[in-house]
Amino acid sequence: MKCAVLRSERRQETYLYVPLDDEGEPDLEQVPAALTDHLGRLETALAELDLAGRERLARADPKAVTEALAEKGYYLQTPPPITELMDRAGEVAGKGDE
């Protein structure tokens, strides 16, 4: 399945995955208006991403993205919880001690 990845200008580290329409453009038809209003202006992060055969994405499970696109017509990727970011920062800081 091919999709586009759009970045929220208003919400840092928030991405919206949407399927491509017949012309290869992002299809926002199934995305609730309240969500697009909340995200603000959306800019293209990736014009085309083929999820077929992918085992990994940076912060999302390709299978979950594909299922959400098929069921809801979009997938919303939000920033990791602050505790996860703090854990990662601690790991990086600890590496300097070695």
PDB file of N, CA and C in Angstrom:
ATOM      1  N   MET A   1       0.846  -1.178   0.000  1.00  0.00           N
ATOM      2  CA  MET A   1       0.000   0.000   0.000  1.00  0.00           C
ATOM      3  C   MET A   1       0.893   1.244   0.000  1.00  0.00           C
ATOM      4  N   LYS A   2       0.538   2.204  -0.822  1.00  0.00           N
ATOM      5  CA  LYS A   2       1.281   3.456  -0.904  1.00  0.00           C
ATOM      6  C   LYS A   2       0.502   4.557  -0.184  1.00  0.00           C
ATOM      7  N   CYS A   3       1.255   5.404   0.492  1.00  0.00           N
ATOM      8  CA  CYS A   3       0.622   6.492   1.218  1.00  0.00           C
ATOM      9  C   CYS A   3       1.534   7.715   1.197  1.00  0.00           C
ATOM     10  N   ALA A   4       1.002   8.821   1.681  1.00  0.00           N
ATOM     11  CA  ALA A   4       1.780  10.040   1.864  1.00  0.00           C
ATOM     12  C   ALA A   4       1.912  10.266   3.357  1.00  0.00           C
ATOM     13  N   VAL A   5       2.988  10.925   3.743  1.00  0.00           N
ATOM     14  CA  VAL A   5       3.193  11.268   5.147  1.00  0.00           C
ATOM     15  C   VAL A   5       3.229  12.793   5.231  1.00  0.00           C
ATOM     16  N   LEU A   6       2.316  13.333   6.026  1.00  0.00           N
ATOM     17  CA  LEU A   6       2.193  14.777   6.170  1.00  0.00           C
ATOM     18  C   LEU A   6       2.589  15.193   7.578  1.00  0.00           C
ATOM     19  N   ARG A   7       3.292  16.292   7.689  1.00  0.00           N
ATOM     20  CA  ARG A   7       3.778  16.788   8.982  1.00  0.00           C
ATOM     21  C   ARG A   7       2.883  17.943   9.432  1.00  0.00           C
ATOM     22  N   SER A   8       2.516  17.921  10.707  1.00  0.00           N
ATOM     23  CA  SER A   8       1.743  19.013  11.279  1.00  0.00           C
ATOM     24  C   SER A   8       2.652  20.197  11.548  1.00  0.00           C
ATOM     25  N   GLU A   9       2.264  21.346  11.068  1.00  0.00           N
ATOM     26  CA  GLU A   9       3.036  22.555  11.326  1.00  0.00           C
ATOM     27  C   GLU A   9       2.829  23.018  12.769  1.00  0.00           C
ATOM     28  N   ARG A  10       1.672  22.706  13.325  1.00  0.00           N
ATOM     29  CA  ARG A  10       1.313  23.176  14.661  1.00  0.00           C
ATOM     30  C   ARG A  10       1.773  22.233  15.772  1.00  0.00           C
ATOM     31  N   ARG A  11       1.781  20.930  15.509  1.00  0.00           N
ATOM     32  CA  ARG A  11       2.104  19.923  16.528  1.00  0.00           C
ATOM     33  C   ARG A  11       3.444  19.269  16.204  1.00  0.00           C
ATOM     34  N   GLN A  12       4.442  19.560  16.994  1.00  0.00           N
ATOM     35  CA  GLN A  12       5.782  19.052  16.763  1.00  0.00           C
ATOM     36  C   GLN A  12       5.806  17.517  16.818  1.00  0.00           C
ATOM     37  N   GLU A  13       6.542  16.909  15.917  1.00  0.00           N
ATOM     38  CA  GLU A  13       6.723  15.461  15.815  1.00  0.00           C
ATOM     39  C   GLU A  13       5.407  14.695  15.621  1.00  0.00           C
ATOM     40  N   THR A  14       4.446  15.329  14.973  1.00  0.00           N
ATOM     41  CA  THR A  14       3.159  14.700  14.698  1.00  0.00           C
ATOM     42  C   THR A  14       2.998  14.564  13.190  1.00  0.00           C
ATOM     43  N   TYR A  15       2.722  13.332  12.769  1.00  0.00           N
ATOM     44  CA  TYR A  15       2.627  13.019  11.342  1.00  0.00           C
ATOM     45  C   TYR A  15       1.314  12.317  11.042  1.00  0.00           C
ATOM     46  N   LEU A  16       0.758  12.619   9.889  1.00  0.00           N
ATOM     47  CA  LEU A  16      -0.476  12.014   9.434  1.00  0.00           C
ATOM     48  C   LEU A  16      -0.184  11.217   8.166  1.00  0.00           C
ATOM     49  N   TYR A  17      -0.430   9.917   8.224  1.00  0.00           N
ATOM     50  CA  TYR A  17      -0.274   9.038   7.064  1.00  0.00           C
ATOM     51  C   TYR A  17      -1.643   8.934   6.400  1.00  0.00           C
ATOM     52  N   VAL A  18      -1.698   9.162   5.107  1.00  0.00           N
ATOM     53  CA  VAL A  18      -2.956   9.058   4.359  1.00  0.00           C
ATOM     54  C   VAL A  18      -2.700   8.317   3.046  1.00  0.00           C
ATOM     55  N   PRO A  19      -3.710   7.584   2.557  1.00  0.00           N
ATOM     56  CA  PRO A  19      -3.521   6.906   1.275  1.00  0.00           C
ATOM     57  C   PRO A  19      -3.405   7.917   0.142  1.00  0.00           C
ATOM     58  N   LEU A  20      -2.911   7.451  -0.976  1.00  0.00           N
ATOM     59  CA  LEU A  20      -2.840   8.292  -2.169  1.00  0.00           C
ATOM     60  C   LEU A  20      -4.096   8.080  -3.004  1.00  0.00           C
ATOM     61  N   ASP A  21      -4.594   9.139  -3.632  1.00  0.00           N
ATOM     62  CA  ASP A  21      -5.749   8.999  -4.506  1.00  0.00           C
ATOM     63  C   ASP A  21      -5.299   8.502  -5.887  1.00  0.00           C
ATOM     64  N   ASP A  22      -6.216   8.432  -6.829  1.00  0.00           N
ATOM     65  CA  ASP A  22      -5.913   7.912  -8.167  1.00  0.00           C
ATOM     66  C   ASP A  22      -4.864   8.738  -8.913  1.00  0.00           C
ATOM     67  N   GLU A  23      -4.728  10.011  -8.545  1.00  0.00           N
ATOM     68  CA  GLU A  23      -3.736  10.879  -9.178  1.00  0.00           C
ATOM     69  C   GLU A  23      -2.412  10.890  -8.416  1.00  0.00           C
ATOM     70  N   GLY A  24      -2.319  10.095  -7.348  1.00  0.00           N
ATOM     71  CA  GLY A  24      -1.091  10.045  -6.566  1.00  0.00           C
ATOM     72  C   GLY A  24      -0.962  11.164  -5.550  1.00  0.00           C
ATOM     73  N   GLU A  25      -2.055  11.827  -5.264  1.00  0.00           N
ATOM     74  CA  GLU A  25      -2.081  12.920  -4.285  1.00  0.00           C
ATOM     75  C   GLU A  25      -2.611  12.403  -2.947  1.00  0.00           C
ATOM     76  N   PRO A  26      -2.216  13.039  -1.825  1.00  0.00           N
ATOM     77  CA  PRO A  26      -2.733  12.630  -0.517  1.00  0.00           C
ATOM     78  C   PRO A  26      -4.256  12.733  -0.466  1.00  0.00           C
ATOM     79  N   ASP A  27      -4.896  11.664  -0.001  1.00  0.00           N
ATOM     80  CA  ASP A  27      -6.359  11.607   0.094  1.00  0.00           C
ATOM     81  C   ASP A  27      -6.769  11.863   1.544  1.00  0.00           C
ATOM     82  N   LEU A  28      -7.249  13.062   1.806  1.00  0.00           N
ATOM     83  CA  LEU A  28      -7.652  13.467   3.159  1.00  0.00           C
ATOM     84  C   LEU A  28      -9.142  13.315   3.407  1.00  0.00           C
ATOM     85  N   GLU A  29      -9.837  12.669   2.488  1.00  0.00           N
ATOM     86  CA  GLU A  29     -11.292  12.584   2.556  1.00  0.00           C
ATOM     87  C   GLU A  29     -11.808  11.940   3.844  1.00  0.00           C
ATOM     88  N   GLN A  30     -11.112  10.925   4.360  1.00  0.00           N
ATOM     89  CA  GLN A  30     -11.581  10.207   5.545  1.00  0.00           C
ATOM     90  C   GLN A  30     -11.085  10.812   6.861  1.00  0.00           C
ATOM     91  N   VAL A  31     -10.209  11.795   6.783  1.00  0.00           N
ATOM     92  CA  VAL A  31      -9.664  12.404   7.994  1.00  0.00           C
ATOM     93  C   VAL A  31     -10.696  13.370   8.574  1.00  0.00           C
ATOM     94  N   PRO A  32     -11.066  13.185   9.852  1.00  0.00           N
ATOM     95  CA  PRO A  32     -12.060  14.078  10.463  1.00  0.00           C
ATOM     96  C   PRO A  32     -11.597  15.542  10.442  1.00  0.00           C
ATOM     97  N   ALA A  33     -12.524  16.425  10.183  1.00  0.00           N
ATOM     98  CA  ALA A  33     -12.217  17.858  10.126  1.00  0.00           C
ATOM     99  C   ALA A  33     -11.652  18.350  11.455  1.00  0.00           C
ATOM    100  N   ALA A  34     -12.149  17.817  12.566  1.00  0.00           N
ATOM    101  CA  ALA A  34     -11.644  18.232  13.882  1.00  0.00           C
ATOM    102  C   ALA A  34     -10.151  17.908  14.017  1.00  0.00           C
ATOM    103  N   LEU A  35      -9.730  16.787  13.443  1.00  0.00           N
ATOM    104  CA  LEU A  35      -8.322  16.405  13.508  1.00  0.00           C
ATOM    105  C   LEU A  35      -7.470  17.336  12.642  1.00  0.00           C
ATOM    106  N   THR A  36      -7.900  17.596  11.430  1.00  0.00           N
ATOM    107  CA  THR A  36      -7.116  18.491  10.573  1.00  0.00           C
ATOM    108  C   THR A  36      -7.078  19.908  11.151  1.00  0.00           C
ATOM    109  N   ASP A  37      -8.161  20.336  11.799  1.00  0.00           N
ATOM    110  CA  ASP A  37      -8.165  21.644  12.454  1.00  0.00           C
ATOM    111  C   ASP A  37      -7.143  21.666  13.594  1.00  0.00           C
ATOM    112  N   HIS A  38      -7.096  20.589  14.367  1.00  0.00           N
ATOM    113  CA  HIS A  38      -6.174  20.475  15.497  1.00  0.00           C
ATOM    114  C   HIS A  38      -4.717  20.473  15.030  1.00  0.00           C
ATOM    115  N   LEU A  39      -4.447  19.794  13.917  1.00  0.00           N
ATOM    116  CA  LEU A  39      -3.083  19.683  13.404  1.00  0.00           C
ATOM    117  C   LEU A  39      -2.611  20.962  12.723  1.00  0.00           C
ATOM    118  N   GLY A  40      -3.534  21.756  12.239  1.00  0.00           N
ATOM    119  CA  GLY A  40      -3.158  22.972  11.524  1.00  0.00           C
ATOM    120  C   GLY A  40      -2.682  22.645  10.122  1.00  0.00           C
ATOM    121  N   ARG A  41      -1.889  23.527   9.572  1.00  0.00           N
ATOM    122  CA  ARG A  41      -1.387  23.338   8.209  1.00  0.00           C
ATOM    123  C   ARG A  41      -0.542  22.074   8.140  1.00  0.00           C
ATOM    124  N   LEU A  42      -0.774  21.284   7.109  1.00  0.00           N
ATOM    125  CA  LEU A  42      -0.028  20.047   6.895  1.00  0.00           C
ATOM    126  C   LEU A  42       0.919  20.232   5.723  1.00  0.00           C
ATOM    127  N   GLU A  43       2.169  19.875   5.924  1.00  0.00           N
ATOM    128  CA  GLU A  43       3.133  19.939   4.832  1.00  0.00           C
ATOM    129  C   GLU A  43       3.620  18.529   4.540  1.00  0.00           C
ATOM    130  N   THR A  44       4.010  18.293   3.322  1.00  0.00           N
ATOM    131  CA  THR A  44       4.442  16.969   2.899  1.00  0.00           C
ATOM    132  C   THR A  44       5.806  16.640   3.474  1.00  0.00           C
ATOM    133  N   ALA A  45       5.860  15.531   4.219  1.00  0.00           N
ATOM    134  CA  ALA A  45       7.132  15.015   4.732  1.00  0.00           C
ATOM    135  C   ALA A  45       7.664  13.977   3.739  1.00  0.00           C
ATOM    136  N   LEU A  46       6.776  13.109   3.251  1.00  0.00           N
ATOM    137  CA  LEU A  46       7.092  12.118   2.215  1.00  0.00           C
ATOM    138  C   LEU A  46       5.918  12.084   1.240  1.00  0.00           C
ATOM    139  N   ALA A  47       6.182  12.378  -0.008  1.00  0.00           N
ATOM    140  CA  ALA A  47       5.121  12.406  -1.013  1.00  0.00           C
ATOM    141  C   ALA A  47       4.582  11.005  -1.308  1.00  0.00           C
ATOM    142  N   GLU A  48       5.449  10.000  -1.211  1.00  0.00           N
ATOM    143  CA  GLU A  48       5.011   8.627  -1.467  1.00  0.00           C
ATOM    144  C   GLU A  48       5.858   7.656  -0.650  1.00  0.00           C
ATOM    145  N   LEU A  49       5.179   6.856   0.146  1.00  0.00           N
ATOM    146  CA  LEU A  49       5.833   5.829   0.954  1.00  0.00           C
ATOM    147  C   LEU A  49       5.132   4.511   0.672  1.00  0.00           C
ATOM    148  N   ASP A  50       5.879   3.529   0.199  1.00  0.00           N
ATOM    149  CA  ASP A  50       5.312   2.211  -0.072  1.00  0.00           C
ATOM    150  C   ASP A  50       5.488   1.354   1.172  1.00  0.00           C
ATOM    151  N   LEU A  51       4.375   0.975   1.789  1.00  0.00           N
ATOM    152  CA  LEU A  51       4.406   0.189   3.020  1.00  0.00           C
ATOM    153  C   LEU A  51       4.572  -1.308   2.756  1.00  0.00           C
ATOM    154  N   ALA A  52       4.358  -1.740   1.522  1.00  0.00           N
ATOM    155  CA  ALA A  52       4.444  -3.163   1.191  1.00  0.00           C
ATOM    156  C   ALA A  52       5.848  -3.693   1.475  1.00  0.00           C
ATOM    157  N   GLY A  53       5.910  -4.760   2.232  1.00  0.00           N
ATOM    158  CA  GLY A  53       7.181  -5.414   2.507  1.00  0.00           C
ATOM    159  C   GLY A  53       8.054  -4.722   3.548  1.00  0.00           C
ATOM    160  N   ARG A  54       7.612  -3.589   4.068  1.00  0.00           N
ATOM    161  CA  ARG A  54       8.410  -2.885   5.089  1.00  0.00           C
ATOM    162  C   ARG A  54       8.253  -3.590   6.429  1.00  0.00           C
ATOM    163  N   GLU A  55       9.358  -3.768   7.095  1.00  0.00           N
ATOM    164  CA  GLU A  55       9.330  -4.365   8.427  1.00  0.00           C
ATOM    165  C   GLU A  55       9.403  -3.304   9.515  1.00  0.00           C
ATOM    166  N   ARG A  56       9.945  -2.129   9.178  1.00  0.00           N
ATOM    167  CA  ARG A  56      10.119  -1.079  10.172  1.00  0.00           C
ATOM    168  C   ARG A  56       9.875   0.297   9.576  1.00  0.00           C
ATOM    169  N   LEU A  57       9.408   1.165  10.440  1.00  0.00           N
ATOM    170  CA  LEU A  57       9.361   2.595  10.176  1.00  0.00           C
ATOM    171  C   LEU A  57      10.001   3.257  11.391  1.00  0.00           C
ATOM    172  N   ALA A  58      10.342   4.504  11.304  1.00  0.00           N
ATOM    173  CA  ALA A  58      11.052   5.172  12.398  1.00  0.00           C
ATOM    174  C   ALA A  58      10.299   5.070  13.728  1.00  0.00           C
ATOM    175  N   ARG A  59       9.023   5.398  13.735  1.00  0.00           N
ATOM    176  CA  ARG A  59       8.273   5.395  14.991  1.00  0.00           C
ATOM    177  C   ARG A  59       6.895   4.759  14.877  1.00  0.00           C
ATOM    178  N   ALA A  60       6.695   3.964  13.861  1.00  0.00           N
ATOM    179  CA  ALA A  60       5.386   3.339  13.688  1.00  0.00           C
ATOM    180  C   ALA A  60       5.571   1.917  13.172  1.00  0.00           C
ATOM    181  N   ASP A  61       4.597   1.103  13.460  1.00  0.00           N
ATOM    182  CA  ASP A  61       4.583  -0.277  12.974  1.00  0.00           C
ATOM    183  C   ASP A  61       3.910  -0.270  11.599  1.00  0.00           C
ATOM    184  N   PRO A  62       4.612  -0.691  10.550  1.00  0.00           N
ATOM    185  CA  PRO A  62       4.023  -0.658   9.202  1.00  0.00           C
ATOM    186  C   PRO A  62       2.693  -1.413   9.108  1.00  0.00           C
ATOM    187  N   LYS A  63       2.582  -2.515   9.844  1.00  0.00           N
ATOM    188  CA  LYS A  63       1.329  -3.284   9.826  1.00  0.00           C
ATOM    189  C   LYS A  63       0.186  -2.462  10.432  1.00  0.00           C
ATOM    190  N   ALA A  64       0.465  -1.772  11.544  1.00  0.00           N
ATOM    191  CA  ALA A  64      -0.552  -0.930  12.174  1.00  0.00           C
ATOM    192  C   ALA A  64      -0.946   0.222  11.266  1.00  0.00           C
ATOM    193  N   VAL A  65       0.021   0.802  10.572  1.00  0.00           N
ATOM    194  CA  VAL A  65      -0.266   1.903   9.647  1.00  0.00           C
ATOM    195  C   VAL A  65      -1.150   1.403   8.510  1.00  0.00           C
ATOM    196  N   THR A  66      -0.778   0.266   7.928  1.00  0.00           N
ATOM    197  CA  THR A  66      -1.544  -0.303   6.815  1.00  0.00           C
ATOM    198  C   THR A  66      -2.973  -0.615   7.249  1.00  0.00           C
ATOM    199  N   GLU A  67      -3.126  -1.221   8.425  1.00  0.00           N
ATOM    200  CA  GLU A  67      -4.471  -1.556   8.930  1.00  0.00           C
ATOM    201  C   GLU A  67      -5.305  -0.302   9.163  1.00  0.00           C
ATOM    202  N   ALA A  68      -4.702   0.728   9.765  1.00  0.00           N
ATOM    203  CA  ALA A  68      -5.432   1.973  10.020  1.00  0.00           C
ATOM    204  C   ALA A  68      -5.836   2.657   8.715  1.00  0.00           C
ATOM    205  N   LEU A  69      -4.937   2.634   7.730  1.00  0.00           N
ATOM    206  CA  LEU A  69      -5.286   3.240   6.432  1.00  0.00           C
ATOM    207  C   LEU A  69      -6.463   2.520   5.798  1.00  0.00           C
ATOM    208  N   ALA A  70      -6.479   1.189   5.903  1.00  0.00           N
ATOM    209  CA  ALA A  70      -7.571   0.404   5.314  1.00  0.00           C
ATOM    210  C   ALA A  70      -8.883   0.597   6.080  1.00  0.00           C
ATOM    211  N   GLU A  71      -8.799   0.666   7.401  1.00  0.00           N
ATOM    212  CA  GLU A  71     -10.008   0.763   8.227  1.00  0.00           C
ATOM    213  C   GLU A  71     -10.542   2.182   8.386  1.00  0.00           C
ATOM    214  N   LYS A  72      -9.644   3.139   8.688  1.00  0.00           N
ATOM    215  CA  LYS A  72     -10.070   4.507   8.984  1.00  0.00           C
ATOM    216  C   LYS A  72      -9.770   5.499   7.876  1.00  0.00           C
ATOM    217  N   GLY A  73      -8.797   5.177   7.028  1.00  0.00           N
ATOM    218  CA  GLY A  73      -8.412   6.107   5.973  1.00  0.00           C
ATOM    219  C   GLY A  73      -7.281   7.033   6.371  1.00  0.00           C
ATOM    220  N   TYR A  74      -6.711   6.836   7.561  1.00  0.00           N
ATOM    221  CA  TYR A  74      -5.572   7.633   8.012  1.00  0.00           C
ATOM    222  C   TYR A  74      -4.919   6.959   9.212  1.00  0.00           C
ATOM    223  N   TYR A  75      -3.686   7.375   9.496  1.00  0.00           N
ATOM    224  CA  TYR A  75      -2.969   6.919  10.686  1.00  0.00           C
ATOM    225  C   TYR A  75      -2.275   8.137  11.267  1.00  0.00           C
ATOM    226  N   LEU A  76      -2.464   8.369  12.554  1.00  0.00           N
ATOM    227  CA  LEU A  76      -1.858   9.516  13.221  1.00  0.00           C
ATOM    228  C   LEU A  76      -0.684   9.049  14.072  1.00  0.00           C
ATOM    229  N   GLN A  77       0.492   9.587  13.793  1.00  0.00           N
ATOM    230  CA  GLN A  77       1.693   9.291  14.574  1.00  0.00           C
ATOM    231  C   GLN A  77       1.987  10.498  15.449  1.00  0.00           C
ATOM    232  N   THR A  78       1.960  10.281  16.765  1.00  0.00           N
ATOM    233  CA  THR A  78       2.212  11.359  17.718  1.00  0.00           C
ATOM    234  C   THR A  78       3.598  11.202  18.340  1.00  0.00           C
ATOM    235  N   PRO A  79       4.081  12.251  18.993  1.00  0.00           N
ATOM    236  CA  PRO A  79       5.407  12.153  19.617  1.00  0.00           C
ATOM    237  C   PRO A  79       5.414  11.085  20.708  1.00  0.00           C
ATOM    238  N   PRO A  80       6.585  10.534  20.990  1.00  0.00           N
ATOM    239  CA  PRO A  80       6.668   9.554  22.073  1.00  0.00           C
ATOM    240  C   PRO A  80       6.398  10.236  23.409  1.00  0.00           C
ATOM    241  N   PRO A  81       5.945   9.460  24.409  1.00  0.00           N
ATOM    242  CA  PRO A  81       5.714  10.049  25.731  1.00  0.00           C
ATOM    243  C   PRO A  81       7.007  10.644  26.293  1.00  0.00           C
ATOM    244  N   ILE A  82       6.880  11.644  27.120  1.00  0.00           N
ATOM    245  CA  ILE A  82       8.043  12.335  27.671  1.00  0.00           C
ATOM    246  C   ILE A  82       8.936  11.374  28.449  1.00  0.00           C
ATOM    247  N   THR A  83       8.355  10.371  29.093  1.00  0.00           N
ATOM    248  CA  THR A  83       9.180   9.417  29.851  1.00  0.00           C
ATOM    249  C   THR A  83      10.097   8.638  28.913  1.00  0.00           C
ATOM    250  N   GLU A  84       9.601   8.306  27.716  1.00  0.00           N
ATOM    251  CA  GLU A  84      10.440   7.601  26.739  1.00  0.00           C
ATOM    252  C   GLU A  84      11.586   8.497  26.279  1.00  0.00           C
ATOM    253  N   LEU A  85      11.297   9.770  26.071  1.00  0.00           N
ATOM    254  CA  LEU A  85      12.345  10.706  25.665  1.00  0.00           C
ATOM    255  C   LEU A  85      13.387  10.871  26.774  1.00  0.00           C
ATOM    256  N   MET A  86      12.926  10.906  28.016  1.00  0.00           N
ATOM    257  CA  MET A  86      13.850  11.039  29.136  1.00  0.00           C
ATOM    258  C   MET A  86      14.730   9.797  29.263  1.00  0.00           C
ATOM    259  N   ASP A  87      14.148   8.615  29.057  1.00  0.00           N
ATOM    260  CA  ASP A  87      14.925   7.378  29.099  1.00  0.00           C
ATOM    261  C   ASP A  87      16.006   7.392  28.022  1.00  0.00           C
ATOM    262  N   ARG A  88      15.625   7.807  26.810  1.00  0.00           N
ATOM    263  CA  ARG A  88      16.592   7.868  25.715  1.00  0.00           C
ATOM    264  C   ARG A  88      17.704   8.870  26.017  1.00  0.00           C
ATOM    265  N   ALA A  89      17.349   9.999  26.582  1.00  0.00           N
ATOM    266  CA  ALA A  89      18.353  11.015  26.922  1.00  0.00           C
ATOM    267  C   ALA A  89      19.312  10.465  27.973  1.00  0.00           C
ATOM    268  N   GLY A  90      18.794   9.715  28.937  1.00  0.00           N
ATOM    269  CA  GLY A  90      19.631   9.107  29.958  1.00  0.00           C
ATOM    270  C   GLY A  90      20.582   8.083  29.379  1.00  0.00           C
ATOM    271  N   GLU A  91      20.099   7.317  28.406  1.00  0.00           N
ATOM    272  CA  GLU A  91      20.951   6.322  27.747  1.00  0.00           C
ATOM    273  C   GLU A  91      22.090   7.007  26.998  1.00  0.00           C
ATOM    274  N   VAL A  92      21.775   8.081  26.302  1.00  0.00           N
ATOM    275  CA  VAL A  92      22.794   8.813  25.546  1.00  0.00           C
ATOM    276  C   VAL A  92      23.800   9.427  26.507  1.00  0.00           C
ATOM    277  N   ALA A  93      23.324  10.006  27.594  1.00  0.00           N
ATOM    278  CA  ALA A  93      24.222  10.635  28.571  1.00  0.00           C
ATOM    279  C   ALA A  93      25.120   9.576  29.223  1.00  0.00           C
ATOM    280  N   GLY A  94      24.572   8.395  29.471  1.00  0.00           N
ATOM    281  CA  GLY A  94      25.343   7.326  30.088  1.00  0.00           C
ATOM    282  C   GLY A  94      26.428   6.788  29.201  1.00  0.00           C
ATOM    283  N   LYS A  95      26.259   6.873  27.893  1.00  0.00           N
ATOM    284  CA  LYS A  95      27.265   6.374  26.961  1.00  0.00           C
ATOM    285  C   LYS A  95      28.549   7.175  27.047  1.00  0.00           C
ATOM    286  N   GLY A  96      28.446   8.441  27.438  1.00  0.00           N
ATOM    287  CA  GLY A  96      29.636   9.277  27.559  1.00  0.00           C
ATOM    288  C   GLY A  96      30.496   8.891  28.753  1.00  0.00           C
ATOM    289  N   ASP A  97      29.889   8.144  29.711  1.00  0.00           N
ATOM    290  CA  ASP A  97      30.618   7.728  30.908  1.00  0.00           C
ATOM    291  C   ASP A  97      31.517   6.537  30.651  1.00  0.00           C
ATOM    292  N   GLU A  98      31.311   5.843  29.555  1.00  0.00           N
ATOM    293  CA  GLU A  98      32.065   4.629  29.288  1.00  0.00           C
ATOM    294  C   GLU A  98      33.458   4.910  28.789  1.00  0.00           C
TER     295      GLU A  98
END
